[in-house]
Amino acid sequence: MKIYTKTGDKGQTALIGGRRVSKADLRIDTYGTVDELNSWIGLVRDQAVNVERKELLKEIQDRLFTVGSELATDPMKASLQTGPKRAMPAIAPEDITLLEQAMDEMDAELPELRAFVLPGGHESVSFCHLARTVCRRAERLVISLNDNAPVDEFVLQYLNRLSDYLFVLGRKMAQELHAEEVVWKPRV
C-alpha cells in the first residue's frame, strides 16, 4: 500500500464513514491538533527523566489515537447507521481515573502550589509544558466542535484531565531534574 493516495490534492479528506470535507474543516483541525499533541507526548515520553513513566505515556498516546478516531468519525453517518456497527474504540471512565491516580501520586511528592509557575527550567520540562498547551488547544477545539455536533463527553473529560496531568508531570519532572520552578510574581 502506498502512503500517498492523491485523493487530498485538492484540499479534501475523508472522515470515517466516507464523507469528504475540507482539510480546513473544524473537525479536521480538531483531530489534527490531537495528533500534534500525541507527537508532543512522544517527545515527553522520550525524555530520560520519564523512563519510569514510559508505559503510562504510551497508554496516553494510545488513548489519544482513540480520541482521534472518535473525532474523525462523521457524526451524520454514525447517527444514521443501522445494522451492525463498526467496532470503534472509546474513551472510558477508567482512562480518566488512571490520569487522576497518576496526578495524585505525583502531587503527594510535590510542594504545595500557591502561585502560577512559569513554564521552563529545563528543556525536558519545557517539552511537557508545550504538550500541556497543545492539549488545552485541542480541548478548546473539541468544545467548539461539540457546539456543532455532539462529541463523547468522556473525550472532553479526558483532554481536560490530560492537560492537568501534564501540568503536574511538568512540576514532577522539574523536581526530579532539580530544575528551578519559577513562581510568577505579578507586578502590581
C-alpha atoms as a PDB file:
ATOM      1  CA  MET A   1       0.000   0.000   0.000  1.00  0.00           C
ATOM      2  CA  LYS A   2       1.370   3.414  -0.934  1.00  0.00           C
ATOM      3  CA  ILE A   3       1.376   6.167   1.665  1.00  0.00           C
ATOM      4  CA  TYR A   4       0.137   8.717  -0.851  1.00  0.00           C
ATOM      5  CA  THR A   5      -3.306   8.417  -2.408  1.00  0.00           C
ATOM      6  CA  LYS A   6      -3.556  11.765  -4.230  1.00  0.00           C
ATOM      7  CA  THR A   7      -7.192  11.991  -3.068  1.00  0.00           C
ATOM      8  CA  GLY A   8      -6.386  15.019  -0.913  1.00  0.00           C
ATOM      9  CA  ASP A   9      -4.594  17.014  -3.596  1.00  0.00           C
ATOM     10  CA  LYS A  10      -7.498  19.442  -3.912  1.00  0.00           C
ATOM     11  CA  GLY A  11      -7.834  20.140  -0.194  1.00  0.00           C
ATOM     12  CA  GLN A  12     -10.392  17.496   0.715  1.00  0.00           C
ATOM     13  CA  THR A  13     -10.135  14.487   3.009  1.00  0.00           C
ATOM     14  CA  ALA A  14     -12.491  11.701   4.074  1.00  0.00           C
ATOM     15  CA  LEU A  15     -13.975  11.214   7.502  1.00  0.00           C
ATOM     16  CA  ILE A  16     -14.564   7.738   8.888  1.00  0.00           C
ATOM     17  CA  GLY A  17     -17.847   6.976   7.168  1.00  0.00           C
ATOM     18  CA  GLY A  18     -16.697   8.223   3.777  1.00  0.00           C
ATOM     19  CA  ARG A  19     -17.953  11.822   3.613  1.00  0.00           C
ATOM     20  CA  ARG A  20     -15.367  14.188   2.154  1.00  0.00           C
ATOM     21  CA  VAL A  21     -14.745  17.525   3.827  1.00  0.00           C
ATOM     22  CA  SER A  22     -12.290  20.388   3.507  1.00  0.00           C
ATOM     23  CA  LYS A  23      -8.944  19.866   5.205  1.00  0.00           C
ATOM     24  CA  ALA A  24      -9.686  23.237   6.846  1.00  0.00           C
ATOM     25  CA  ASP A  25     -12.886  21.857   8.457  1.00  0.00           C
ATOM     26  CA  LEU A  26     -13.095  22.308  12.248  1.00  0.00           C
ATOM     27  CA  ARG A  27     -13.313  18.536  12.702  1.00  0.00           C
ATOM     28  CA  ILE A  28     -10.053  18.036  10.776  1.00  0.00           C
ATOM     29  CA  ASP A  29      -8.346  20.852  12.702  1.00  0.00           C
ATOM     30  CA  THR A  30      -9.519  19.247  15.938  1.00  0.00           C
ATOM     31  CA  TYR A  31      -8.227  15.756  15.341  1.00  0.00           C
ATOM     32  CA  GLY A  32      -5.099  17.186  13.705  1.00  0.00           C
ATOM     33  CA  THR A  33      -4.393  19.058  16.930  1.00  0.00           C
ATOM     34  CA  VAL A  34      -4.891  15.835  18.899  1.00  0.00           C
ATOM     35  CA  ASP A  35      -2.345  14.231  16.555  1.00  0.00           C
ATOM     36  CA  GLU A  36       0.048  17.123  17.224  1.00  0.00           C
ATOM     37  CA  LEU A  37      -0.476  16.592  20.960  1.00  0.00           C
ATOM     38  CA  ASN A  38       0.306  12.904  20.530  1.00  0.00           C
ATOM     39  CA  SER A  39       3.637  13.815  18.924  1.00  0.00           C
ATOM     40  CA  TRP A  40       4.489  16.129  21.827  1.00  0.00           C
ATOM     41  CA  ILE A  41       3.601  13.349  24.285  1.00  0.00           C
ATOM     42  CA  GLY A  42       6.028  11.116  22.362  1.00  0.00           C
ATOM     43  CA  LEU A  43       8.757  13.709  22.870  1.00  0.00           C
ATOM     44  CA  VAL A  44       7.926  13.939  26.587  1.00  0.00           C
ATOM     45  CA  ARG A  45       7.964  10.130  26.788  1.00  0.00           C
ATOM     46  CA  ASP A  46      11.428  10.039  25.211  1.00  0.00           C
ATOM     47  CA  GLN A  47      12.967  12.230  27.930  1.00  0.00           C
ATOM     48  CA  ALA A  48      15.328  10.275  30.193  1.00  0.00           C
ATOM     49  CA  VAL A  49      13.582  11.623  33.292  1.00  0.00           C
ATOM     50  CA  ASN A  50      10.399   9.787  32.253  1.00  0.00           C
ATOM     51  CA  VAL A  51      11.847   6.305  31.916  1.00  0.00           C
ATOM     52  CA  GLU A  52       9.602   5.032  34.729  1.00  0.00           C
ATOM     53  CA  ARG A  53       6.547   6.770  33.232  1.00  0.00           C
ATOM     54  CA  LYS A  54       7.160   5.483  29.709  1.00  0.00           C
ATOM     55  CA  GLU A  55       4.365   2.886  29.819  1.00  0.00           C
ATOM     56  CA  LEU A  56       1.810   5.363  31.124  1.00  0.00           C
ATOM     57  CA  LEU A  57       2.815   7.879  28.466  1.00  0.00           C
ATOM     58  CA  LYS A  58       2.438   5.174  25.787  1.00  0.00           C
ATOM     59  CA  GLU A  59      -1.023   4.427  27.204  1.00  0.00           C
ATOM     60  CA  ILE A  60      -1.882   8.128  26.912  1.00  0.00           C
ATOM     61  CA  GLN A  61      -0.703   8.094  23.293  1.00  0.00           C
ATOM     62  CA  ASP A  62      -2.918   5.076  22.638  1.00  0.00           C
ATOM     63  CA  ARG A  63      -5.875   6.890  24.180  1.00  0.00           C
ATOM     64  CA  LEU A  64      -5.157   9.931  22.001  1.00  0.00           C
ATOM     65  CA  PHE A  65      -5.453   7.710  18.913  1.00  0.00           C
ATOM     66  CA  THR A  66      -8.832   6.678  20.319  1.00  0.00           C
ATOM     67  CA  VAL A  67      -9.788  10.348  20.723  1.00  0.00           C
ATOM     68  CA  GLY A  68      -8.649  10.994  17.155  1.00  0.00           C
ATOM     69  CA  SER A  69     -10.758   8.141  15.775  1.00  0.00           C
ATOM     70  CA  GLU A  70     -13.796   9.474  17.630  1.00  0.00           C
ATOM     71  CA  LEU A  71     -13.227  12.943  16.203  1.00  0.00           C
ATOM     72  CA  ALA A  72     -12.524  11.609  12.681  1.00  0.00           C
ATOM     73  CA  THR A  73     -15.865   9.822  12.537  1.00  0.00           C
ATOM     74  CA  ASP A  74     -18.597  11.502  10.515  1.00  0.00           C
ATOM     75  CA  PRO A  75     -21.316  12.157  13.125  1.00  0.00           C
ATOM     76  CA  MET A  76     -24.033  12.169  10.442  1.00  0.00           C
ATOM     77  CA  LYS A  77     -23.052   8.710   9.213  1.00  0.00           C
ATOM     78  CA  ALA A  78     -22.608   7.362  12.743  1.00  0.00           C
ATOM     79  CA  SER A  79     -26.079   8.542  13.826  1.00  0.00           C
ATOM     80  CA  LEU A  80     -27.784   7.231  10.649  1.00  0.00           C
ATOM     81  CA  GLN A  81     -26.120   3.836  10.654  1.00  0.00           C
ATOM     82  CA  THR A  82     -28.426   0.871  11.071  1.00  0.00           C
ATOM     83  CA  GLY A  83     -27.483  -2.737  11.365  1.00  0.00           C
ATOM     84  CA  PRO A  84     -24.145  -3.900  12.700  1.00  0.00           C
ATOM     85  CA  LYS A  85     -21.903  -1.017  13.710  1.00  0.00           C
ATOM     86  CA  ARG A  86     -18.217  -0.873  13.001  1.00  0.00           C
ATOM     87  CA  ALA A  87     -16.272  -1.549  16.184  1.00  0.00           C
ATOM     88  CA  MET A  88     -14.687   1.717  17.333  1.00  0.00           C
ATOM     89  CA  PRO A  89     -12.509   2.285  20.381  1.00  0.00           C
ATOM     90  CA  ALA A  90     -13.839   4.656  23.017  1.00  0.00           C
ATOM     91  CA  ILE A  91     -12.585   6.616  25.993  1.00  0.00           C
ATOM     92  CA  ALA A  92     -13.870   5.075  29.215  1.00  0.00           C
ATOM     93  CA  PRO A  93     -14.173   6.469  32.748  1.00  0.00           C
ATOM     94  CA  GLU A  94     -11.237   4.298  33.854  1.00  0.00           C
ATOM     95  CA  ASP A  95      -8.987   6.136  31.368  1.00  0.00           C
ATOM     96  CA  ILE A  96      -9.772   9.361  33.210  1.00  0.00           C
ATOM     97  CA  THR A  97      -9.302   7.684  36.593  1.00  0.00           C
ATOM     98  CA  LEU A  98      -5.852   6.479  35.526  1.00  0.00           C
ATOM     99  CA  LEU A  99      -4.769  10.089  34.928  1.00  0.00           C
ATOM    100  CA  GLU A 100      -6.251  11.210  38.243  1.00  0.00           C
ATOM    101  CA  GLN A 101      -4.430   8.469  40.151  1.00  0.00           C
ATOM    102  CA  ALA A 102      -1.130   9.325  38.453  1.00  0.00           C
ATOM    103  CA  MET A 103      -1.626  13.002  39.344  1.00  0.00           C
ATOM    104  CA  ASP A 104      -2.448  12.179  42.951  1.00  0.00           C
ATOM    105  CA  GLU A 105       0.729  10.078  43.268  1.00  0.00           C
ATOM    106  CA  MET A 106       2.936  12.823  41.827  1.00  0.00           C
ATOM    107  CA  ASP A 107       1.166  15.595  43.729  1.00  0.00           C
ATOM    108  CA  ALA A 108       1.784  13.816  47.053  1.00  0.00           C
ATOM    109  CA  GLU A 109       5.533  14.246  46.451  1.00  0.00           C
ATOM    110  CA  LEU A 110       5.414  17.882  45.302  1.00  0.00           C
ATOM    111  CA  PRO A 111       5.452  21.055  47.384  1.00  0.00           C
ATOM    112  CA  GLU A 112       2.086  22.767  47.648  1.00  0.00           C
ATOM    113  CA  LEU A 113       1.429  25.127  44.778  1.00  0.00           C
ATOM    114  CA  ARG A 114       0.377  28.617  45.847  1.00  0.00           C
ATOM    115  CA  ALA A 115       1.024  30.586  42.645  1.00  0.00           C
ATOM    116  CA  PHE A 116       1.331  30.259  38.888  1.00  0.00           C
ATOM    117  CA  VAL A 117       4.547  28.664  37.637  1.00  0.00           C
ATOM    118  CA  LEU A 118       6.434  29.973  34.620  1.00  0.00           C
ATOM    119  CA  PRO A 119       6.977  27.218  32.033  1.00  0.00           C
ATOM    120  CA  GLY A 120      10.611  26.174  31.726  1.00  0.00           C
ATOM    121  CA  GLY A 121      13.560  25.458  33.957  1.00  0.00           C
ATOM    122  CA  HIS A 122      14.829  22.526  31.907  1.00  0.00           C
ATOM    123  CA  GLU A 123      14.404  21.519  28.273  1.00  0.00           C
ATOM    124  CA  SER A 124      12.507  18.350  29.231  1.00  0.00           C
ATOM    125  CA  VAL A 125      10.117  20.326  31.428  1.00  0.00           C
ATOM    126  CA  SER A 126       9.566  22.822  28.604  1.00  0.00           C
ATOM    127  CA  PHE A 127       8.554  19.980  26.271  1.00  0.00           C
ATOM    128  CA  CYS A 128       5.965  18.940  28.842  1.00  0.00           C
ATOM    129  CA  HIS A 129       4.580  22.478  29.070  1.00  0.00           C
ATOM    130  CA  LEU A 130       4.344  22.648  25.275  1.00  0.00           C
ATOM    131  CA  ALA A 131       2.374  19.387  25.316  1.00  0.00           C
ATOM    132  CA  ARG A 132       0.103  20.863  28.003  1.00  0.00           C
ATOM    133  CA  THR A 133      -0.664  23.966  25.947  1.00  0.00           C
ATOM    134  CA  VAL A 134      -1.372  21.915  22.809  1.00  0.00           C
ATOM    135  CA  CYS A 135      -3.683  19.772  24.945  1.00  0.00           C
ATOM    136  CA  ARG A 136      -5.556  22.884  26.072  1.00  0.00           C
ATOM    137  CA  ARG A 137      -5.883  23.989  22.427  1.00  0.00           C
ATOM    138  CA  ALA A 138      -7.212  20.545  21.498  1.00  0.00           C
ATOM    139  CA  GLU A 139      -9.700  20.790  24.358  1.00  0.00           C
ATOM    140  CA  ARG A 140     -10.923  24.213  23.143  1.00  0.00           C
ATOM    141  CA  LEU A 141     -11.351  22.857  19.621  1.00  0.00           C
ATOM    142  CA  VAL A 142     -13.302  19.846  20.885  1.00  0.00           C
ATOM    143  CA  ILE A 143     -15.581  22.193  22.852  1.00  0.00           C
ATOM    144  CA  SER A 144     -16.147  24.262  19.721  1.00  0.00           C
ATOM    145  CA  LEU A 145     -16.815  21.114  17.689  1.00  0.00           C
ATOM    146  CA  ASN A 146     -19.212  19.916  20.376  1.00  0.00           C
ATOM    147  CA  ASP A 147     -21.225  23.114  19.888  1.00  0.00           C
ATOM    148  CA  ASN A 148     -21.960  21.934  16.316  1.00  0.00           C
ATOM    149  CA  ALA A 149     -22.077  18.149  16.652  1.00  0.00           C
ATOM    150  CA  PRO A 150     -22.070  16.195  19.913  1.00  0.00           C
ATOM    151  CA  VAL A 151     -18.719  14.764  20.990  1.00  0.00           C
ATOM    152  CA  ASP A 152     -18.492  11.946  23.515  1.00  0.00           C
ATOM    153  CA  GLU A 153     -18.399  13.561  26.965  1.00  0.00           C
ATOM    154  CA  PHE A 154     -15.508  11.307  28.011  1.00  0.00           C
ATOM    155  CA  VAL A 155     -13.351  12.789  25.232  1.00  0.00           C
ATOM    156  CA  LEU A 156     -13.853  16.248  26.732  1.00  0.00           C
ATOM    157  CA  GLN A 157     -13.182  14.995  30.247  1.00  0.00           C
ATOM    158  CA  TYR A 158     -10.089  13.089  29.131  1.00  0.00           C
ATOM    159  CA  LEU A 159      -8.499  16.084  27.435  1.00  0.00           C
ATOM    160  CA  ASN A 160      -9.301  18.309  30.415  1.00  0.00           C
ATOM    161  CA  ARG A 161      -7.749  15.819  32.814  1.00  0.00           C
ATOM    162  CA  LEU A 162      -4.790  15.203  30.497  1.00  0.00           C
ATOM    163  CA  SER A 163      -3.835  18.886  30.493  1.00  0.00           C
ATOM    164  CA  ASP A 164      -3.931  18.826  34.303  1.00  0.00           C
ATOM    165  CA  TYR A 165      -1.815  15.674  34.276  1.00  0.00           C
ATOM    166  CA  LEU A 166       0.741  17.327  32.004  1.00  0.00           C
ATOM    167  CA  PHE A 167       0.968  20.324  34.346  1.00  0.00           C
ATOM    168  CA  VAL A 168       1.605  18.096  37.360  1.00  0.00           C
ATOM    169  CA  LEU A 169       4.010  15.965  35.314  1.00  0.00           C
ATOM    170  CA  GLY A 170       5.963  19.095  34.384  1.00  0.00           C
ATOM    171  CA  ARG A 171       6.279  20.004  38.051  1.00  0.00           C
ATOM    172  CA  LYS A 172       7.325  16.457  38.950  1.00  0.00           C
ATOM    173  CA  MET A 173       9.899  16.392  36.154  1.00  0.00           C
ATOM    174  CA  ALA A 174      11.282  19.730  37.364  1.00  0.00           C
ATOM    175  CA  GLN A 175      11.593  18.304  40.869  1.00  0.00           C
ATOM    176  CA  GLU A 176      13.379  15.169  39.679  1.00  0.00           C
ATOM    177  CA  LEU A 177      15.698  17.181  37.420  1.00  0.00           C
ATOM    178  CA  HIS A 178      16.458  19.658  40.223  1.00  0.00           C
ATOM    179  CA  ALA A 179      15.263  22.398  37.900  1.00  0.00           C
ATOM    180  CA  GLU A 180      14.219  25.744  39.255  1.00  0.00           C
ATOM    181  CA  GLU A 181      10.458  26.168  39.471  1.00  0.00           C
ATOM    182  CA  VAL A 182       9.943  29.873  38.886  1.00  0.00           C
ATOM    183  CA  VAL A 183       6.834  31.258  40.533  1.00  0.00           C
ATOM    184  CA  TRP A 184       5.126  34.109  38.704  1.00  0.00           C
ATOM    185  CA  LYS A 185       5.099  37.264  40.810  1.00  0.00           C
ATOM    186  CA  PRO A 186       2.733  39.779  39.235  1.00  0.00           C
ATOM    187  CA  ARG A 187       3.890  43.373  39.257  1.00  0.00           C
ATOM    188  CA  VAL A 188       1.114  45.444  40.766  1.00  0.00           C
END
